[in-house]
Amino acid sequence: MSDPRTPLLKVRDLSVTFGTKRHPVSAVAGISFDVYEGETLGLVGESGCGKSTTGKAIMRIVEPTGGTVELEGRDITTEKGRALRQLRTRLQMIFQDPISSLNPRRRVKDIVAEPLDCWKSVTGDERERLVQDLLSKVGIDPLVYGNRYARQFSGGQCQRISIARSLAMRPKLLICDEMVSALDVSVQAQILNLLEDLKNEYGLTLLFIAHDLAVVKNVSDRVAVMYLGKICEIGPSDTLYEDPEHPYTKFLLGAALEADVDSPVHGDVLEGEPPSPLNPPSGCRFRTRCPNATEKCASEEPLLQEIAPGHQVACHYPLRTLARR
């Protein structure tokens, strides 16, 4: 049964291809998903699966080569000029490397104020008050640190500043691209707790891109799993972790260091390397590494199908089907 809610973000058949016409590289190959207001959707997969490219394509940092991306009913992919810039104030991105994402020539208070200055939305004392409030919200004392430069801060502090900057225009959606992967574990917990507090306070919706399965499980309401540019499974976080339906999801969970040693998926090892996106396999892209693959997997591409309310899997032979055999 489909979700009756209206999605805040609606992605349909999104594709991103790099390279040349003679040697195209399919980074994102026609994926579709929804993100509903107030939720956190986790996006996970191996390195090179296309999850970060998906986030950048939604922002149009990377131009999509196909498909549509609708935010609050407006198609981002068809907007141009000022209309596009204005629409993009409604969604912001927090990048993986917190230090290089900040301008080294600008003071912290000016980095946070830059979106406000670009749009001239507030000026004077109101601008100063808002910048100080944003820095205080993320745990940076504006009176002590506001005049310092990014190089004078740790990675965790730089990520806090990045979060403050992303909130300046009061966006509806935050795309978090591996935002804690470069941080120490203790700092990761602080940033994630801060993000959860700000999500509740500002009414944010999150697309949380990461490779750390334990982190994604803790912060996400739903999780989408990507493999070689395709979404192979999407569903509620607890359901997907406890009862994965796609073989790749099961292998991914089995490889996690945090996996429960008593879990039925623990110890499953995925052999081989992912195929090249220059020449992806026919049919199911996972079939070359899947122990359950048949001729059907080579000739027919599996489409996402709902096997339980809110739980979809793109597999000809979901694990629960195999278990009944």
Protein backbone atom coordinates (compact mmCIF):
# COMPACT_ATOMS: atom_id res chain seq x y z
CA MET A 1 0.00 0.00 0.00
CA SER A 2 1.49 3.34 -1.06
CA ASP A 3 2.00 6.15 1.45
CA PRO A 4 -0.96 8.59 1.35
CA ARG A 5 1.20 11.54 2.43
CA THR A 6 2.43 14.13 -0.06
CA PRO A 7 6.23 13.94 -0.34
CA LEU A 8 8.30 17.02 0.42
CA LEU A 9 10.93 15.74 -2.04
CA LYS A 10 9.96 13.55 -4.96
CA VAL A 11 12.74 11.98 -7.07
CA ARG A 12 11.71 10.17 -10.24
CA ASP A 13 13.98 8.26 -12.64
CA LEU A 14 17.00 10.37 -11.67
CA SER A 15 20.06 9.63 -13.79
CA VAL A 16 23.57 11.06 -13.79
CA THR A 17 26.07 10.03 -16.47
CA PHE A 18 29.67 11.17 -16.66
CA GLY A 19 32.33 10.62 -19.31
CA THR A 20 31.75 10.80 -23.06
CA LYS A 21 29.14 9.42 -25.43
CA ARG A 22 31.62 6.74 -26.42
CA HIS A 23 32.57 5.87 -22.83
CA PRO A 24 29.66 6.84 -20.56
CA VAL A 25 29.88 6.21 -16.83
CA SER A 26 26.49 5.57 -15.26
CA ALA A 27 26.82 6.96 -11.73
CA VAL A 28 23.08 7.11 -10.99
CA ALA A 29 20.84 4.96 -13.17
CA GLY A 30 17.20 5.97 -12.99
CA ILE A 31 16.37 5.91 -9.27
CA SER A 32 13.10 6.98 -7.66
CA PHE A 33 12.22 7.69 -4.04
CA ASP A 34 10.25 10.09 -1.83
CA VAL A 35 11.21 11.98 1.30
CA TYR A 36 8.33 13.03 3.54
CA GLU A 37 8.21 16.15 5.66
CA GLY A 38 9.78 15.73 9.10
CA GLU A 39 11.44 12.38 8.43
CA THR A 40 15.06 11.32 8.00
CA LEU A 41 15.76 9.08 5.01
CA GLY A 42 19.12 7.30 5.18
CA LEU A 43 20.92 6.49 1.92
CA VAL A 44 23.60 3.80 2.21
CA GLY A 45 25.80 1.65 0.00
CA GLU A 46 29.38 0.81 -0.90
CA SER A 47 31.82 3.51 -1.98
CA GLY A 48 31.15 4.39 -5.61
CA CYS A 49 27.50 3.30 -5.57
CA GLY A 50 26.31 6.82 -6.45
CA LYS A 51 24.82 8.00 -3.16
CA SER A 52 26.83 11.25 -2.92
CA THR A 53 26.24 11.95 -6.61
CA THR A 54 22.51 11.54 -5.92
CA GLY A 55 22.65 14.23 -3.24
CA LYS A 56 24.59 16.60 -5.48
CA ALA A 57 22.22 15.97 -8.40
CA ILE A 58 19.25 16.86 -6.22
CA MET A 59 20.98 20.16 -5.44
CA ARG A 60 22.07 20.49 -9.09
CA ILE A 61 25.67 20.83 -8.03
CA VAL A 62 25.98 17.97 -10.51
CA GLU A 63 23.57 18.28 -13.43
CA PRO A 64 21.16 15.33 -13.83
CA THR A 65 21.09 13.75 -17.28
CA GLY A 66 17.56 12.45 -16.84
CA GLY A 67 14.57 12.35 -14.52
CA THR A 68 12.91 14.92 -12.28
CA VAL A 69 13.42 16.24 -8.76
CA GLU A 70 10.43 18.00 -7.19
CA LEU A 71 10.64 20.00 -3.98
CA GLU A 72 7.26 21.04 -2.60
CA GLY A 73 5.78 20.35 -6.04
CA ARG A 74 8.31 22.42 -8.02
CA ASP A 75 10.68 20.66 -10.42
CA ILE A 76 14.24 21.69 -9.61
CA THR A 77 15.58 20.22 -12.85
CA THR A 78 13.65 22.67 -15.05
CA GLU A 79 14.24 25.86 -13.07
CA LYS A 80 16.83 28.37 -14.23
CA GLY A 81 18.51 31.57 -13.08
CA ARG A 82 17.07 33.41 -10.12
CA ALA A 83 14.10 31.05 -9.84
CA LEU A 84 16.49 28.13 -9.33
CA ARG A 85 18.59 30.06 -6.83
CA GLN A 86 15.50 30.99 -4.87
CA LEU A 87 14.19 27.42 -4.87
CA ARG A 88 17.55 26.15 -3.62
CA THR A 89 17.24 28.25 -0.48
CA ARG A 90 14.66 25.66 0.55
CA LEU A 91 17.26 22.88 0.57
CA GLN A 92 20.85 22.98 1.74
CA MET A 93 23.76 20.55 1.75
CA ILE A 94 26.32 19.72 4.44
CA PHE A 95 29.46 18.24 2.93
CA GLN A 96 31.77 15.42 3.97
CA ASP A 97 34.92 17.49 4.50
CA PRO A 98 33.96 20.19 6.99
CA ILE A 99 37.21 22.15 6.68
CA SER A 100 37.46 22.46 2.90
CA SER A 101 33.76 23.35 2.66
CA LEU A 102 34.45 26.63 4.49
CA ASN A 103 36.10 29.65 2.87
CA PRO A 104 39.57 29.98 4.48
CA ARG A 105 39.67 33.74 3.73
CA ARG A 106 36.52 34.63 5.61
CA ARG A 107 35.79 34.90 9.30
CA VAL A 108 33.34 32.47 10.82
CA LYS A 109 30.62 35.06 11.42
CA ASP A 110 30.84 36.15 7.77
CA ILE A 111 30.70 32.53 6.54
CA VAL A 112 27.43 32.00 8.42
CA ALA A 113 26.09 35.36 7.22
CA GLU A 114 26.97 34.80 3.55
CA PRO A 115 23.55 33.37 2.54
CA LEU A 116 21.86 36.30 4.26
CA ASP A 117 24.13 38.77 2.46
CA CYS A 118 23.55 37.14 -0.92
CA TRP A 119 19.80 37.55 -0.60
CA LYS A 120 19.90 40.70 1.54
CA SER A 121 17.16 39.11 3.62
CA VAL A 122 18.29 40.79 6.84
CA THR A 123 20.77 43.58 7.48
CA GLY A 124 22.32 45.58 10.29
CA ASP A 125 21.57 44.59 13.86
CA GLU A 126 19.09 41.92 12.79
CA ARG A 127 21.78 40.23 10.68
CA GLU A 128 24.24 40.32 13.59
CA ARG A 129 21.66 38.94 16.00
CA LEU A 130 20.72 36.10 13.67
CA VAL A 131 24.34 35.09 13.06
CA GLN A 132 25.07 35.08 16.77
CA ASP A 133 21.96 33.01 17.43
CA LEU A 134 22.90 30.43 14.77
CA LEU A 135 26.44 30.05 16.09
CA SER A 136 25.13 29.72 19.64
CA LYS A 137 22.65 27.04 18.52
CA VAL A 138 25.48 24.85 17.23
CA GLY A 139 27.70 25.34 20.30
CA ILE A 140 30.09 28.01 18.97
CA ASP A 141 30.40 31.14 21.16
CA PRO A 142 30.00 34.00 18.65
CA LEU A 143 31.65 36.60 20.87
CA VAL A 144 34.76 34.48 21.45
CA TYR A 145 35.10 32.71 18.08
CA GLY A 146 33.11 34.77 15.59
CA ASN A 147 36.16 36.64 14.28
CA ARG A 148 38.33 33.55 13.81
CA TYR A 149 39.03 31.65 10.60
CA ALA A 150 38.18 28.04 9.74
CA ARG A 151 41.80 26.93 10.01
CA GLN A 152 41.68 27.77 13.72
CA PHE A 153 38.97 25.19 14.40
CA SER A 154 38.88 21.40 14.68
CA GLY A 155 36.98 19.26 12.19
CA GLY A 156 34.04 18.88 14.55
CA GLN A 157 33.86 22.63 15.16
CA CYS A 158 34.02 23.28 11.40
CA GLN A 159 31.09 20.93 10.88
CA ARG A 160 29.12 22.85 13.50
CA ILE A 161 29.83 26.04 11.57
CA SER A 162 28.71 24.35 8.36
CA ILE A 163 25.45 23.38 10.03
CA ALA A 164 24.92 26.96 11.22
CA ARG A 165 25.49 28.27 7.69
CA SER A 166 23.05 25.73 6.24
CA LEU A 167 20.31 26.93 8.59
CA ALA A 168 20.67 30.64 7.78
CA MET A 169 17.92 30.63 5.12
CA ARG A 170 15.63 28.37 7.18
CA PRO A 171 15.55 25.49 4.65
CA LYS A 172 12.97 22.71 4.66
CA LEU A 173 15.40 19.96 3.62
CA LEU A 174 19.01 19.25 4.60
CA ILE A 175 21.13 16.86 2.54
CA CYS A 176 23.85 15.50 4.81
CA ASP A 177 26.61 13.96 2.69
CA GLU A 178 28.81 11.75 4.88
CA MET A 179 28.83 14.64 7.34
CA VAL A 180 30.34 12.69 10.27
CA SER A 181 32.59 10.21 8.44
CA ALA A 182 35.71 12.39 8.84
CA LEU A 183 35.17 12.94 12.57
CA ASP A 184 36.21 11.02 15.70
CA VAL A 185 33.58 8.68 17.09
CA SER A 186 32.97 10.81 20.20
CA VAL A 187 32.59 13.93 18.05
CA GLN A 188 30.25 12.05 15.69
CA ALA A 189 27.86 11.43 18.57
CA GLN A 190 27.90 15.12 19.53
CA ILE A 191 27.18 16.25 15.97
CA LEU A 192 24.40 13.70 15.49
CA ASN A 193 22.74 14.71 18.77
CA LEU A 194 23.02 18.36 17.74
CA LEU A 195 21.48 17.58 14.35
CA GLU A 196 18.55 15.77 15.97
CA ASP A 197 17.92 18.73 18.31
CA LEU A 198 18.03 21.20 15.41
CA LYS A 199 15.77 18.98 13.31
CA ASN A 200 13.09 19.17 16.00
CA GLU A 201 13.57 22.88 16.65
CA TYR A 202 13.60 24.00 13.01
CA GLY A 203 11.18 21.41 11.62
CA LEU A 204 13.78 19.98 9.26
CA THR A 205 13.60 17.04 6.88
CA LEU A 206 16.85 15.13 6.30
CA LEU A 207 18.38 13.07 3.52
CA PHE A 208 21.23 11.42 5.43
CA ILE A 209 23.91 9.92 3.16
CA ALA A 210 26.44 7.66 4.89
CA HIS A 211 28.28 4.36 4.72
CA ASP A 212 28.23 3.72 8.49
CA LEU A 213 25.25 1.42 8.95
CA ALA A 214 25.09 1.87 12.72
CA VAL A 215 24.88 5.65 12.37
CA VAL A 216 22.22 5.42 9.66
CA LYS A 217 20.10 3.06 11.75
CA ASN A 218 20.18 5.37 14.76
CA VAL A 219 19.23 8.56 12.92
CA SER A 220 16.91 7.37 10.12
CA ASP A 221 13.20 6.70 9.98
CA ARG A 222 13.59 4.90 6.64
CA VAL A 223 16.64 3.59 4.79
CA ALA A 224 17.34 3.24 1.07
CA VAL A 225 20.15 0.91 -0.05
CA MET A 226 22.05 1.67 -3.28
CA TYR A 227 24.18 -0.60 -5.41
CA LEU A 228 25.98 0.52 -8.58
CA GLY A 229 23.66 3.44 -9.25
CA LYS A 230 20.41 1.64 -8.42
CA ILE A 231 18.21 1.48 -5.32
CA CYS A 232 17.80 -2.18 -4.42
CA GLU A 233 15.78 -1.86 -1.20
CA ILE A 234 13.98 0.82 0.79
CA GLY A 235 11.97 0.51 3.96
CA PRO A 236 11.56 1.40 7.63
CA SER A 237 14.88 1.44 9.44
CA ASP A 238 14.11 -1.24 12.05
CA THR A 239 12.43 -3.54 9.53
CA LEU A 240 15.24 -3.30 7.01
CA TYR A 241 17.95 -3.98 9.60
CA GLU A 242 16.14 -6.83 11.30
CA ASP A 243 14.65 -8.49 8.22
CA PRO A 244 16.48 -7.48 5.01
CA GLU A 245 14.88 -8.73 1.81
CA HIS A 246 17.57 -8.01 -0.78
CA PRO A 247 20.70 -10.24 -0.73
CA TYR A 248 22.94 -7.17 -1.04
CA THR A 249 21.35 -5.56 2.04
CA LYS A 250 21.95 -8.75 3.99
CA PHE A 251 25.61 -8.86 2.95
CA LEU A 252 26.03 -5.18 3.74
CA LEU A 253 24.68 -5.69 7.25
CA GLY A 254 26.81 -8.79 7.71
CA ALA A 255 29.94 -6.79 6.91
CA ALA A 256 29.20 -4.08 9.48
CA LEU A 257 31.57 -4.04 12.43
CA GLU A 258 28.64 -3.23 14.71
CA ALA A 259 26.69 -6.28 13.65
CA ASP A 260 25.25 -8.39 16.44
CA VAL A 261 27.23 -11.64 16.61
CA ASP A 262 23.96 -13.49 17.24
CA SER A 263 22.25 -11.95 14.23
CA PRO A 264 21.39 -14.33 11.39
CA VAL A 265 23.07 -11.96 8.92
CA HIS A 266 26.36 -11.76 10.84
CA GLY A 267 29.27 -13.45 9.14
CA ASP A 268 27.92 -13.35 5.58
CA VAL A 269 30.77 -12.19 3.37
CA LEU A 270 30.25 -10.59 -0.02
CA GLU A 271 32.84 -11.86 -2.48
CA GLY A 272 34.36 -9.95 -5.38
CA GLU A 273 34.42 -6.31 -6.41
CA PRO A 274 31.52 -4.26 -7.78
CA PRO A 275 31.37 -4.28 -11.58
CA SER A 276 32.57 -1.22 -13.48
CA PRO A 277 29.93 1.46 -14.12
CA LEU A 278 31.48 1.69 -17.59
CA ASN A 279 30.01 -1.73 -18.35
CA PRO A 280 27.33 -2.64 -15.78
CA PRO A 281 25.83 -6.15 -15.91
CA SER A 282 22.60 -6.73 -17.79
CA GLY A 283 19.42 -7.29 -15.83
CA CYS A 284 20.11 -7.07 -12.11
CA ARG A 285 23.34 -5.20 -11.46
CA PHE A 286 24.02 -7.28 -8.35
CA ARG A 287 23.69 -10.65 -10.10
CA THR A 288 27.45 -11.11 -10.69
CA ARG A 289 27.97 -11.26 -6.90
CA CYS A 290 24.64 -12.77 -5.85
CA PRO A 291 24.54 -16.44 -4.77
CA ASN A 292 20.85 -16.65 -5.73
CA ALA A 293 21.17 -15.34 -9.31
CA THR A 294 19.51 -17.18 -12.20
CA GLU A 295 19.11 -16.62 -15.94
CA LYS A 296 16.11 -14.42 -15.19
CA CYS A 297 18.38 -12.07 -13.23
CA ALA A 298 20.58 -11.65 -16.32
CA SER A 299 17.74 -11.04 -18.77
CA GLU A 300 15.26 -8.99 -16.72
CA GLU A 301 15.96 -5.95 -14.58
CA PRO A 302 14.09 -6.23 -11.26
CA LEU A 303 11.91 -3.24 -10.39
CA LEU A 304 11.11 -1.96 -6.93
CA GLN A 305 8.04 -3.79 -5.67
CA GLU A 306 6.24 -3.40 -2.37
CA ILE A 307 6.39 -6.57 -0.29
CA ALA A 308 5.06 -5.00 2.93
CA PRO A 309 3.63 -1.58 3.81
CA GLY A 310 6.41 0.94 3.10
CA HIS A 311 8.96 -1.79 2.31
CA GLN A 312 10.11 -2.14 -1.30
CA VAL A 313 12.75 -4.40 -2.83
CA ALA A 314 14.15 -4.72 -6.36
CA CYS A 315 14.83 -8.45 -6.53
CA HIS A 316 13.33 -11.36 -8.46
CA TYR A 317 13.92 -13.60 -5.44
CA PRO A 318 13.43 -11.69 -2.15
CA LEU A 319 14.88 -13.51 0.82
CA ARG A 320 11.49 -14.26 2.37
CA THR A 321 10.48 -15.96 -0.90
CA LEU A 322 13.61 -18.12 -0.86
CA ALA A 323 12.98 -19.02 2.80
CA ARG A 324 9.58 -20.47 1.92
CA ARG A 325 11.05 -22.80 -0.69
